[in-house]
Amino acid sequence: LYALIHAMLHEHPRERLDLHFLQQ
């Protein structure tokens, strides 16, 4: 599971994440 988080944070563009949810 840690490897999945690493890939999402370090190997994909930020806009692939829910930036609004993270910010708010």
mmCIF file of all heavy atoms, coordinates in Angstrom:
data_MODEL
# 
_entry.id   MODEL 
# 
loop_
_atom_site.group_PDB 
_atom_site.id 
_atom_site.type_symbol 
_atom_site.label_atom_id 
_atom_site.label_alt_id 
_atom_site.label_comp_id 
_atom_site.label_asym_id 
_atom_site.label_entity_id 
_atom_site.label_seq_id 
_atom_site.pdbx_PDB_ins_code 
_atom_site.Cartn_x 
_atom_site.Cartn_y 
_atom_site.Cartn_z 
_atom_site.occupancy 
_atom_site.B_iso_or_equiv 
_atom_site.pdbx_formal_charge 
_atom_site.auth_seq_id 
_atom_site.auth_comp_id 
_atom_site.auth_asym_id 
_atom_site.auth_atom_id 
_atom_site.pdbx_PDB_model_num 
ATOM 1   N N   . LEU A 1 1  ? 0.820   -1.208 0.000   1.00 0.00 ? 1  LEU A N   1 
ATOM 2   C CA  . LEU A 1 1  ? 0.000   0.000  0.000   1.00 0.00 ? 1  LEU A CA  1 
ATOM 3   C C   . LEU A 1 1  ? 0.857   1.263  0.000   1.00 0.00 ? 1  LEU A C   1 
ATOM 4   O O   . LEU A 1 1  ? 0.504   2.264  -0.642  1.00 0.00 ? 1  LEU A O   1 
ATOM 5   C CB  . LEU A 1 1  ? -0.935  -0.014 1.211   1.00 0.00 ? 1  LEU A CB  1 
ATOM 6   C CG  . LEU A 1 1  ? -1.981  -1.135 1.221   1.00 0.00 ? 1  LEU A CG  1 
ATOM 7   C CD1 . LEU A 1 1  ? -2.719  -1.170 2.559   1.00 0.00 ? 1  LEU A CD1 1 
ATOM 8   C CD2 . LEU A 1 1  ? -2.968  -0.979 0.074   1.00 0.00 ? 1  LEU A CD2 1 
ATOM 9   N N   . TYR A 1 2  ? 2.003   1.226  0.716   1.00 0.00 ? 2  TYR A N   1 
ATOM 10  C CA  . TYR A 1 2  ? 2.905   2.377  0.720   1.00 0.00 ? 2  TYR A CA  1 
ATOM 11  C C   . TYR A 1 2  ? 3.436   2.647  -0.688  1.00 0.00 ? 2  TYR A C   1 
ATOM 12  O O   . TYR A 1 2  ? 3.607   3.805  -1.093  1.00 0.00 ? 2  TYR A O   1 
ATOM 13  C CB  . TYR A 1 2  ? 4.072   2.140  1.682   1.00 0.00 ? 2  TYR A CB  1 
ATOM 14  C CG  . TYR A 1 2  ? 3.786   2.502  3.118   1.00 0.00 ? 2  TYR A CG  1 
ATOM 15  C CD1 . TYR A 1 2  ? 2.533   2.250  3.685   1.00 0.00 ? 2  TYR A CD1 1 
ATOM 16  C CD2 . TYR A 1 2  ? 4.750   3.085  3.926   1.00 0.00 ? 2  TYR A CD2 1 
ATOM 17  C CE1 . TYR A 1 2  ? 2.262   2.571  4.995   1.00 0.00 ? 2  TYR A CE1 1 
ATOM 18  C CE2 . TYR A 1 2  ? 4.494   3.411  5.244   1.00 0.00 ? 2  TYR A CE2 1 
ATOM 19  C CZ  . TYR A 1 2  ? 3.248   3.153  5.775   1.00 0.00 ? 2  TYR A CZ  1 
ATOM 20  O OH  . TYR A 1 2  ? 2.989   3.476  7.084   1.00 0.00 ? 2  TYR A OH  1 
ATOM 21  N N   . ALA A 1 3  ? 3.707   1.574  -1.453  1.00 0.00 ? 3  ALA A N   1 
ATOM 22  C CA  . ALA A 1 3  ? 4.207   1.748  -2.814  1.00 0.00 ? 3  ALA A CA  1 
ATOM 23  C C   . ALA A 1 3  ? 3.167   2.424  -3.699  1.00 0.00 ? 3  ALA A C   1 
ATOM 24  O O   . ALA A 1 3  ? 3.509   3.228  -4.577  1.00 0.00 ? 3  ALA A O   1 
ATOM 25  C CB  . ALA A 1 3  ? 4.597   0.393  -3.398  1.00 0.00 ? 3  ALA A CB  1 
ATOM 26  N N   . LEU A 1 4  ? 1.883   2.113  -3.474  1.00 0.00 ? 4  LEU A N   1 
ATOM 27  C CA  . LEU A 1 4  ? 0.828   2.772  -4.245  1.00 0.00 ? 4  LEU A CA  1 
ATOM 28  C C   . LEU A 1 4  ? 0.806   4.273  -3.941  1.00 0.00 ? 4  LEU A C   1 
ATOM 29  O O   . LEU A 1 4  ? 0.671   5.105  -4.854  1.00 0.00 ? 4  LEU A O   1 
ATOM 30  C CB  . LEU A 1 4  ? -0.532  2.156  -3.920  1.00 0.00 ? 4  LEU A CB  1 
ATOM 31  C CG  . LEU A 1 4  ? -0.701  0.648  -4.141  1.00 0.00 ? 4  LEU A CG  1 
ATOM 32  C CD1 . LEU A 1 4  ? -2.158  0.247  -3.898  1.00 0.00 ? 4  LEU A CD1 1 
ATOM 33  C CD2 . LEU A 1 4  ? -0.260  0.241  -5.529  1.00 0.00 ? 4  LEU A CD2 1 
ATOM 34  N N   . ILE A 1 5  ? 0.934   4.625  -2.655  1.00 0.00 ? 5  ILE A N   1 
ATOM 35  C CA  . ILE A 1 5  ? 0.957   6.044  -2.282  1.00 0.00 ? 5  ILE A CA  1 
ATOM 36  C C   . ILE A 1 5  ? 2.156   6.735  -2.919  1.00 0.00 ? 5  ILE A C   1 
ATOM 37  O O   . ILE A 1 5  ? 2.045   7.845  -3.453  1.00 0.00 ? 5  ILE A O   1 
ATOM 38  C CB  . ILE A 1 5  ? 0.999   6.196  -0.743  1.00 0.00 ? 5  ILE A CB  1 
ATOM 39  C CG1 . ILE A 1 5  ? -0.274  5.617  -0.123  1.00 0.00 ? 5  ILE A CG1 1 
ATOM 40  C CG2 . ILE A 1 5  ? 1.173   7.661  -0.352  1.00 0.00 ? 5  ILE A CG2 1 
ATOM 41  C CD1 . ILE A 1 5  ? -0.258  5.591  1.386   1.00 0.00 ? 5  ILE A CD1 1 
ATOM 42  N N   . HIS A 1 6  ? 3.329   6.087  -2.845  1.00 0.00 ? 6  HIS A N   1 
ATOM 43  C CA  . HIS A 1 6  ? 4.539   6.658  -3.456  1.00 0.00 ? 6  HIS A CA  1 
ATOM 44  C C   . HIS A 1 6  ? 4.302   6.935  -4.934  1.00 0.00 ? 6  HIS A C   1 
ATOM 45  O O   . HIS A 1 6  ? 4.623   8.029  -5.438  1.00 0.00 ? 6  HIS A O   1 
ATOM 46  C CB  . HIS A 1 6  ? 5.712   5.700  -3.286  1.00 0.00 ? 6  HIS A CB  1 
ATOM 47  C CG  . HIS A 1 6  ? 6.925   6.109  -4.082  1.00 0.00 ? 6  HIS A CG  1 
ATOM 48  N ND1 . HIS A 1 6  ? 7.979   6.810  -3.525  1.00 0.00 ? 6  HIS A ND1 1 
ATOM 49  C CD2 . HIS A 1 6  ? 7.258   5.917  -5.392  1.00 0.00 ? 6  HIS A CD2 1 
ATOM 50  C CE1 . HIS A 1 6  ? 8.891   7.038  -4.456  1.00 0.00 ? 6  HIS A CE1 1 
ATOM 51  N NE2 . HIS A 1 6  ? 8.472   6.502  -5.597  1.00 0.00 ? 6  HIS A NE2 1 
ATOM 52  N N   . ALA A 1 7  ? 3.752   5.946  -5.654  1.00 0.00 ? 7  ALA A N   1 
ATOM 53  C CA  . ALA A 1 7  ? 3.535   6.120  -7.086  1.00 0.00 ? 7  ALA A CA  1 
ATOM 54  C C   . ALA A 1 7  ? 2.582   7.276  -7.359  1.00 0.00 ? 7  ALA A C   1 
ATOM 55  O O   . ALA A 1 7  ? 2.804   8.072  -8.286  1.00 0.00 ? 7  ALA A O   1 
ATOM 56  C CB  . ALA A 1 7  ? 2.983   4.825  -7.685  1.00 0.00 ? 7  ALA A CB  1 
ATOM 57  N N   . MET A 1 8  ? 1.541   7.402  -6.564  1.00 0.00 ? 8  MET A N   1 
ATOM 58  C CA  . MET A 1 8  ? 0.564   8.468  -6.775  1.00 0.00 ? 8  MET A CA  1 
ATOM 59  C C   . MET A 1 8  ? 1.163   9.843  -6.507  1.00 0.00 ? 8  MET A C   1 
ATOM 60  O O   . MET A 1 8  ? 0.821   10.823 -7.178  1.00 0.00 ? 8  MET A O   1 
ATOM 61  C CB  . MET A 1 8  ? -0.660  8.224  -5.886  1.00 0.00 ? 8  MET A CB  1 
ATOM 62  C CG  . MET A 1 8  ? -1.480  7.023  -6.340  1.00 0.00 ? 8  MET A CG  1 
ATOM 63  S SD  . MET A 1 8  ? -2.675  6.442  -5.115  1.00 0.00 ? 8  MET A SD  1 
ATOM 64  C CE  . MET A 1 8  ? -3.717  7.881  -4.927  1.00 0.00 ? 8  MET A CE  1 
ATOM 65  N N   . LEU A 1 9  ? 2.060   9.911  -5.523  1.00 0.00 ? 9  LEU A N   1 
ATOM 66  C CA  . LEU A 1 9  ? 2.648   11.204 -5.146  1.00 0.00 ? 9  LEU A CA  1 
ATOM 67  C C   . LEU A 1 9  ? 3.856   11.588 -5.995  1.00 0.00 ? 9  LEU A C   1 
ATOM 68  O O   . LEU A 1 9  ? 4.107   12.781 -6.215  1.00 0.00 ? 9  LEU A O   1 
ATOM 69  C CB  . LEU A 1 9  ? 3.061   11.180 -3.668  1.00 0.00 ? 9  LEU A CB  1 
ATOM 70  C CG  . LEU A 1 9  ? 1.935   11.153 -2.638  1.00 0.00 ? 9  LEU A CG  1 
ATOM 71  C CD1 . LEU A 1 9  ? 2.517   10.995 -1.236  1.00 0.00 ? 9  LEU A CD1 1 
ATOM 72  C CD2 . LEU A 1 9  ? 1.092   12.419 -2.716  1.00 0.00 ? 9  LEU A CD2 1 
ATOM 73  N N   . HIS A 1 10 ? 4.622   10.603 -6.457  1.00 0.00 ? 10 HIS A N   1 
ATOM 74  C CA  . HIS A 1 10 ? 5.898   10.891 -7.111  1.00 0.00 ? 10 HIS A CA  1 
ATOM 75  C C   . HIS A 1 10 ? 5.959   10.523 -8.589  1.00 0.00 ? 10 HIS A C   1 
ATOM 76  O O   . HIS A 1 10 ? 6.922   10.877 -9.263  1.00 0.00 ? 10 HIS A O   1 
ATOM 77  C CB  . HIS A 1 10 ? 7.036   10.169 -6.366  1.00 0.00 ? 10 HIS A CB  1 
ATOM 78  C CG  . HIS A 1 10 ? 7.313   10.730 -5.016  1.00 0.00 ? 10 HIS A CG  1 
ATOM 79  N ND1 . HIS A 1 10 ? 8.110   11.838 -4.800  1.00 0.00 ? 10 HIS A ND1 1 
ATOM 80  C CD2 . HIS A 1 10 ? 6.878   10.353 -3.799  1.00 0.00 ? 10 HIS A CD2 1 
ATOM 81  C CE1 . HIS A 1 10 ? 8.168   12.105 -3.514  1.00 0.00 ? 10 HIS A CE1 1 
ATOM 82  N NE2 . HIS A 1 10 ? 7.426   11.220 -2.875  1.00 0.00 ? 10 HIS A NE2 1 
ATOM 83  N N   . GLU A 1 11 ? 4.949   9.829  -9.099  1.00 0.00 ? 11 GLU A N   1 
ATOM 84  C CA  . GLU A 1 11 ? 5.037   9.371  -10.481 1.00 0.00 ? 11 GLU A CA  1 
ATOM 85  C C   . GLU A 1 11 ? 3.832   9.779  -11.319 1.00 0.00 ? 11 GLU A C   1 
ATOM 86  O O   . GLU A 1 11 ? 3.696   9.339  -12.457 1.00 0.00 ? 11 GLU A O   1 
ATOM 87  C CB  . GLU A 1 11 ? 5.219   7.848  -10.503 1.00 0.00 ? 11 GLU A CB  1 
ATOM 88  C CG  . GLU A 1 11 ? 6.481   7.392  -9.775  1.00 0.00 ? 11 GLU A CG  1 
ATOM 89  C CD  . GLU A 1 11 ? 6.644   5.878  -9.743  1.00 0.00 ? 11 GLU A CD  1 
ATOM 90  O OE1 . GLU A 1 11 ? 5.841   5.186  -10.415 1.00 0.00 ? 11 GLU A OE1 1 
ATOM 91  O OE2 . GLU A 1 11 ? 7.560   5.378  -9.065  1.00 0.00 ? 11 GLU A OE2 1 
ATOM 92  N N   . HIS A 1 12 ? 2.943   10.598 -10.744 1.00 0.00 ? 12 HIS A N   1 
ATOM 93  C CA  . HIS A 1 12 ? 1.779   11.064 -11.489 1.00 0.00 ? 12 HIS A CA  1 
ATOM 94  C C   . HIS A 1 12 ? 1.606   12.569 -11.270 1.00 0.00 ? 12 HIS A C   1 
ATOM 95  O O   . HIS A 1 12 ? 1.977   13.096 -10.213 1.00 0.00 ? 12 HIS A O   1 
ATOM 96  C CB  . HIS A 1 12 ? 0.515   10.327 -11.036 1.00 0.00 ? 12 HIS A CB  1 
ATOM 97  C CG  . HIS A 1 12 ? 0.482   8.883  -11.445 1.00 0.00 ? 12 HIS A CG  1 
ATOM 98  N ND1 . HIS A 1 12 ? 0.009   8.469  -12.658 1.00 0.00 ? 12 HIS A ND1 1 
ATOM 99  C CD2 . HIS A 1 12 ? 0.889   7.768  -10.788 1.00 0.00 ? 12 HIS A CD2 1 
ATOM 100 C CE1 . HIS A 1 12 ? 0.115   7.158  -12.742 1.00 0.00 ? 12 HIS A CE1 1 
ATOM 101 N NE2 . HIS A 1 12 ? 0.642   6.702  -11.619 1.00 0.00 ? 12 HIS A NE2 1 
ATOM 102 N N   . PRO A 1 13 ? 1.026   13.274 -12.242 1.00 0.00 ? 13 PRO A N   1 
ATOM 103 C CA  . PRO A 1 13 ? 0.787   14.719 -12.078 1.00 0.00 ? 13 PRO A CA  1 
ATOM 104 C C   . PRO A 1 13 ? -0.141  14.997 -10.894 1.00 0.00 ? 13 PRO A C   1 
ATOM 105 O O   . PRO A 1 13 ? -1.018  14.186 -10.585 1.00 0.00 ? 13 PRO A O   1 
ATOM 106 C CB  . PRO A 1 13 ? 0.132   15.125 -13.402 1.00 0.00 ? 13 PRO A CB  1 
ATOM 107 C CG  . PRO A 1 13 ? 0.481   14.038 -14.374 1.00 0.00 ? 13 PRO A CG  1 
ATOM 108 C CD  . PRO A 1 13 ? 0.594   12.785 -13.568 1.00 0.00 ? 13 PRO A CD  1 
ATOM 109 N N   . ARG A 1 14 ? 0.058   16.124 -10.254 1.00 0.00 ? 14 ARG A N   1 
ATOM 110 C CA  . ARG A 1 14 ? -0.749  16.483 -9.083  1.00 0.00 ? 14 ARG A CA  1 
ATOM 111 C C   . ARG A 1 14 ? -2.252  16.530 -9.402  1.00 0.00 ? 14 ARG A C   1 
ATOM 112 O O   . ARG A 1 14 ? -3.079  16.207 -8.557  1.00 0.00 ? 14 ARG A O   1 
ATOM 113 C CB  . ARG A 1 14 ? -0.303  17.853 -8.539  1.00 0.00 ? 14 ARG A CB  1 
ATOM 114 C CG  . ARG A 1 14 ? 0.957   17.821 -7.736  1.00 0.00 ? 14 ARG A CG  1 
ATOM 115 C CD  . ARG A 1 14 ? 0.737   17.153 -6.385  1.00 0.00 ? 14 ARG A CD  1 
ATOM 116 N NE  . ARG A 1 14 ? 1.992   17.037 -5.651  1.00 0.00 ? 14 ARG A NE  1 
ATOM 117 C CZ  . ARG A 1 14 ? 2.750   15.947 -5.636  1.00 0.00 ? 14 ARG A CZ  1 
ATOM 118 N NH1 . ARG A 1 14 ? 2.358   14.861 -6.304  1.00 0.00 ? 14 ARG A NH1 1 
ATOM 119 N NH2 . ARG A 1 14 ? 3.865   15.913 -4.971  1.00 0.00 ? 14 ARG A NH2 1 
ATOM 120 N N   . GLU A 1 15 ? -2.596  16.924 -10.634 1.00 0.00 ? 15 GLU A N   1 
ATOM 121 C CA  . GLU A 1 15 ? -4.018  17.057 -10.959 1.00 0.00 ? 15 GLU A CA  1 
ATOM 122 C C   . GLU A 1 15 ? -4.739  15.711 -11.006 1.00 0.00 ? 15 GLU A C   1 
ATOM 123 O O   . GLU A 1 15 ? -5.970  15.668 -11.083 1.00 0.00 ? 15 GLU A O   1 
ATOM 124 C CB  . GLU A 1 15 ? -4.216  17.794 -12.286 1.00 0.00 ? 15 GLU A CB  1 
ATOM 125 C CG  . GLU A 1 15 ? -3.498  17.179 -13.461 1.00 0.00 ? 15 GLU A CG  1 
ATOM 126 C CD  . GLU A 1 15 ? -2.113  17.785 -13.675 1.00 0.00 ? 15 GLU A CD  1 
ATOM 127 O OE1 . GLU A 1 15 ? -1.555  18.350 -12.707 1.00 0.00 ? 15 GLU A OE1 1 
ATOM 128 O OE2 . GLU A 1 15 ? -1.625  17.701 -14.814 1.00 0.00 ? 15 GLU A OE2 1 
ATOM 129 N N   . ARG A 1 16 ? -3.989  14.608 -10.938 1.00 0.00 ? 16 ARG A N   1 
ATOM 130 C CA  . ARG A 1 16 ? -4.633  13.291 -10.848 1.00 0.00 ? 16 ARG A CA  1 
ATOM 131 C C   . ARG A 1 16 ? -5.215  13.068 -9.452  1.00 0.00 ? 16 ARG A C   1 
ATOM 132 O O   . ARG A 1 16 ? -6.022  12.154 -9.240  1.00 0.00 ? 16 ARG A O   1 
ATOM 133 C CB  . ARG A 1 16 ? -3.615  12.180 -11.163 1.00 0.00 ? 16 ARG A CB  1 
ATOM 134 C CG  . ARG A 1 16 ? -3.009  12.234 -12.546 1.00 0.00 ? 16 ARG A CG  1 
ATOM 135 C CD  . ARG A 1 16 ? -4.035  12.034 -13.646 1.00 0.00 ? 16 ARG A CD  1 
ATOM 136 N NE  . ARG A 1 16 ? -4.709  10.748 -13.569 1.00 0.00 ? 16 ARG A NE  1 
ATOM 137 C CZ  . ARG A 1 16 ? -4.239  9.617  -14.081 1.00 0.00 ? 16 ARG A CZ  1 
ATOM 138 N NH1 . ARG A 1 16 ? -3.073  9.610  -14.711 1.00 0.00 ? 16 ARG A NH1 1 
ATOM 139 N NH2 . ARG A 1 16 ? -4.939  8.505  -13.993 1.00 0.00 ? 16 ARG A NH2 1 
ATOM 140 N N   . LEU A 1 17 ? -4.796  13.889 -8.465  1.00 0.00 ? 17 LEU A N   1 
ATOM 141 C CA  . LEU A 1 17 ? -5.321  13.798 -7.100  1.00 0.00 ? 17 LEU A CA  1 
ATOM 142 C C   . LEU A 1 17 ? -6.497  14.763 -6.944  1.00 0.00 ? 17 LEU A C   1 
ATOM 143 O O   . LEU A 1 17 ? -6.688  15.670 -7.759  1.00 0.00 ? 17 LEU A O   1 
ATOM 144 C CB  . LEU A 1 17 ? -4.227  14.143 -6.085  1.00 0.00 ? 17 LEU A CB  1 
ATOM 145 C CG  . LEU A 1 17 ? -2.910  13.361 -6.196  1.00 0.00 ? 17 LEU A CG  1 
ATOM 146 C CD1 . LEU A 1 17 ? -1.930  13.842 -5.129  1.00 0.00 ? 17 LEU A CD1 1 
ATOM 147 C CD2 . LEU A 1 17 ? -3.149  11.862 -6.080  1.00 0.00 ? 17 LEU A CD2 1 
ATOM 148 N N   . ASP A 1 18 ? -7.259  14.583 -5.870  1.00 0.00 ? 18 ASP A N   1 
ATOM 149 C CA  . ASP A 1 18 ? -8.372  15.495 -5.595  1.00 0.00 ? 18 ASP A CA  1 
ATOM 150 C C   . ASP A 1 18 ? -7.829  16.668 -4.779  1.00 0.00 ? 18 ASP A C   1 
ATOM 151 O O   . ASP A 1 18 ? -7.906  16.697 -3.546  1.00 0.00 ? 18 ASP A O   1 
ATOM 152 C CB  . ASP A 1 18 ? -9.479  14.768 -4.828  1.00 0.00 ? 18 ASP A CB  1 
ATOM 153 C CG  . ASP A 1 18 ? -10.773 15.571 -4.777  1.00 0.00 ? 18 ASP A CG  1 
ATOM 154 O OD1 . ASP A 1 18 ? -10.703 16.814 -4.879  1.00 0.00 ? 18 ASP A OD1 1 
ATOM 155 O OD2 . ASP A 1 18 ? -11.846 14.962 -4.632  1.00 0.00 ? 18 ASP A OD2 1 
ATOM 156 N N   . LEU A 1 19 ? -7.275  17.639 -5.471  1.00 0.00 ? 19 LEU A N   1 
ATOM 157 C CA  . LEU A 1 19 ? -6.615  18.765 -4.814  1.00 0.00 ? 19 LEU A CA  1 
ATOM 158 C C   . LEU A 1 19 ? -7.593  19.599 -3.996  1.00 0.00 ? 19 LEU A C   1 
ATOM 159 O O   . LEU A 1 19 ? -7.236  20.118 -2.930  1.00 0.00 ? 19 LEU A O   1 
ATOM 160 C CB  . LEU A 1 19 ? -5.912  19.634 -5.862  1.00 0.00 ? 19 LEU A CB  1 
ATOM 161 C CG  . LEU A 1 19 ? -4.858  18.910 -6.711  1.00 0.00 ? 19 LEU A CG  1 
ATOM 162 C CD1 . LEU A 1 19 ? -4.244  19.852 -7.728  1.00 0.00 ? 19 LEU A CD1 1 
ATOM 163 C CD2 . LEU A 1 19 ? -3.781  18.301 -5.816  1.00 0.00 ? 19 LEU A CD2 1 
ATOM 164 N N   . HIS A 1 20 ? -8.824  19.721 -4.472  1.00 0.00 ? 20 HIS A N   1 
ATOM 165 C CA  . HIS A 1 20 ? -9.825  20.481 -3.719  1.00 0.00 ? 20 HIS A CA  1 
ATOM 166 C C   . HIS A 1 20 ? -10.106 19.816 -2.379  1.00 0.00 ? 20 HIS A C   1 
ATOM 167 O O   . HIS A 1 20 ? -10.154 20.490 -1.339  1.00 0.00 ? 20 HIS A O   1 
ATOM 168 C CB  . HIS A 1 20 ? -11.119 20.610 -4.525  1.00 0.00 ? 20 HIS A CB  1 
ATOM 169 C CG  . HIS A 1 20 ? -12.237 21.266 -3.774  1.00 0.00 ? 20 HIS A CG  1 
ATOM 170 N ND1 . HIS A 1 20 ? -12.308 22.636 -3.590  1.00 0.00 ? 20 HIS A ND1 1 
ATOM 171 C CD2 . HIS A 1 20 ? -13.313 20.740 -3.118  1.00 0.00 ? 20 HIS A CD2 1 
ATOM 172 C CE1 . HIS A 1 20 ? -13.383 22.924 -2.870  1.00 0.00 ? 20 HIS A CE1 1 
ATOM 173 N NE2 . HIS A 1 20 ? -14.006 21.787 -2.570  1.00 0.00 ? 20 HIS A NE2 1 
ATOM 174 N N   . PHE A 1 21 ? -10.290 18.494 -2.388  1.00 0.00 ? 21 PHE A N   1 
ATOM 175 C CA  . PHE A 1 21 ? -10.544 17.774 -1.137  1.00 0.00 ? 21 PHE A CA  1 
ATOM 176 C C   . PHE A 1 21 ? -9.363  17.919 -0.183  1.00 0.00 ? 21 PHE A C   1 
ATOM 177 O O   . PHE A 1 21 ? -9.541  18.181 1.016   1.00 0.00 ? 21 PHE A O   1 
ATOM 178 C CB  . PHE A 1 21 ? -10.805 16.295 -1.432  1.00 0.00 ? 21 PHE A CB  1 
ATOM 179 C CG  . PHE A 1 21 ? -11.082 15.473 -0.198  1.00 0.00 ? 21 PHE A CG  1 
ATOM 180 C CD1 . PHE A 1 21 ? -12.356 15.396 0.333   1.00 0.00 ? 21 PHE A CD1 1 
ATOM 181 C CD2 . PHE A 1 21 ? -10.066 14.778 0.438   1.00 0.00 ? 21 PHE A CD2 1 
ATOM 182 C CE1 . PHE A 1 21 ? -12.627 14.643 1.479   1.00 0.00 ? 21 PHE A CE1 1 
ATOM 183 C CE2 . PHE A 1 21 ? -10.305 14.028 1.582   1.00 0.00 ? 21 PHE A CE2 1 
ATOM 184 C CZ  . PHE A 1 21 ? -11.591 13.961 2.095   1.00 0.00 ? 21 PHE A CZ  1 
ATOM 185 N N   . LEU A 1 22 ? -8.153  17.756 -0.697  1.00 0.00 ? 22 LEU A N   1 
ATOM 186 C CA  . LEU A 1 22 ? -6.966  17.864 0.152   1.00 0.00 ? 22 LEU A CA  1 
ATOM 187 C C   . LEU A 1 22 ? -6.846  19.256 0.762   1.00 0.00 ? 22 LEU A C   1 
ATOM 188 O O   . LEU A 1 22 ? -6.477  19.405 1.931   1.00 0.00 ? 22 LEU A O   1 
ATOM 189 C CB  . LEU A 1 22 ? -5.710  17.529 -0.661  1.00 0.00 ? 22 LEU A CB  1 
ATOM 190 C CG  . LEU A 1 22 ? -5.577  16.065 -1.099  1.00 0.00 ? 22 LEU A CG  1 
ATOM 191 C CD1 . LEU A 1 22 ? -4.445  15.912 -2.110  1.00 0.00 ? 22 LEU A CD1 1 
ATOM 192 C CD2 . LEU A 1 22 ? -5.334  15.165 0.106   1.00 0.00 ? 22 LEU A CD2 1 
ATOM 193 N N   . GLN A 1 23 ? -7.155  20.275 -0.023  1.00 0.00 ? 23 GLN A N   1 
ATOM 194 C CA  . GLN A 1 23 ? -7.027  21.656 0.452   1.00 0.00 ? 23 GLN A CA  1 
ATOM 195 C C   . GLN A 1 23 ? -8.119  22.018 1.457   1.00 0.00 ? 23 GLN A C   1 
ATOM 196 O O   . GLN A 1 23 ? -7.853  22.688 2.462   1.00 0.00 ? 23 GLN A O   1 
ATOM 197 C CB  . GLN A 1 23 ? -7.109  22.620 -0.740  1.00 0.00 ? 23 GLN A CB  1 
ATOM 198 C CG  . GLN A 1 23 ? -6.857  24.081 -0.388  1.00 0.00 ? 23 GLN A CG  1 
ATOM 199 C CD  . GLN A 1 23 ? -5.377  24.395 -0.244  1.00 0.00 ? 23 GLN A CD  1 
ATOM 200 O OE1 . GLN A 1 23 ? -4.560  23.854 -0.967  1.00 0.00 ? 23 GLN A OE1 1 
ATOM 201 N NE2 . GLN A 1 23 ? -5.042  25.287 0.674   1.00 0.00 ? 23 GLN A NE2 1 
ATOM 202 N N   . GLN A 1 24 ? -9.351  21.542 1.227   1.00 0.00 ? 24 GLN A N   1 
ATOM 203 C CA  . GLN A 1 24 ? -10.482 21.994 2.021   1.00 0.00 ? 24 GLN A CA  1 
ATOM 204 C C   . GLN A 1 24 ? -10.893 21.047 3.147   1.00 0.00 ? 24 GLN A C   1 
ATOM 205 O O   . GLN A 1 24 ? -11.524 21.474 4.110   1.00 0.00 ? 24 GLN A O   1 
ATOM 206 C CB  . GLN A 1 24 ? -11.693 22.215 1.099   1.00 0.00 ? 24 GLN A CB  1 
ATOM 207 C CG  . GLN A 1 24 ? -11.468 23.264 0.027   1.00 0.00 ? 24 GLN A CG  1 
ATOM 208 C CD  . GLN A 1 24 ? -11.237 24.652 0.608   1.00 0.00 ? 24 GLN A CD  1 
ATOM 209 O OE1 . GLN A 1 24 ? -11.830 25.016 1.616   1.00 0.00 ? 24 GLN A OE1 1 
ATOM 210 N NE2 . GLN A 1 24 ? -10.363 25.427 -0.030  1.00 0.00 ? 24 GLN A NE2 1 
# 
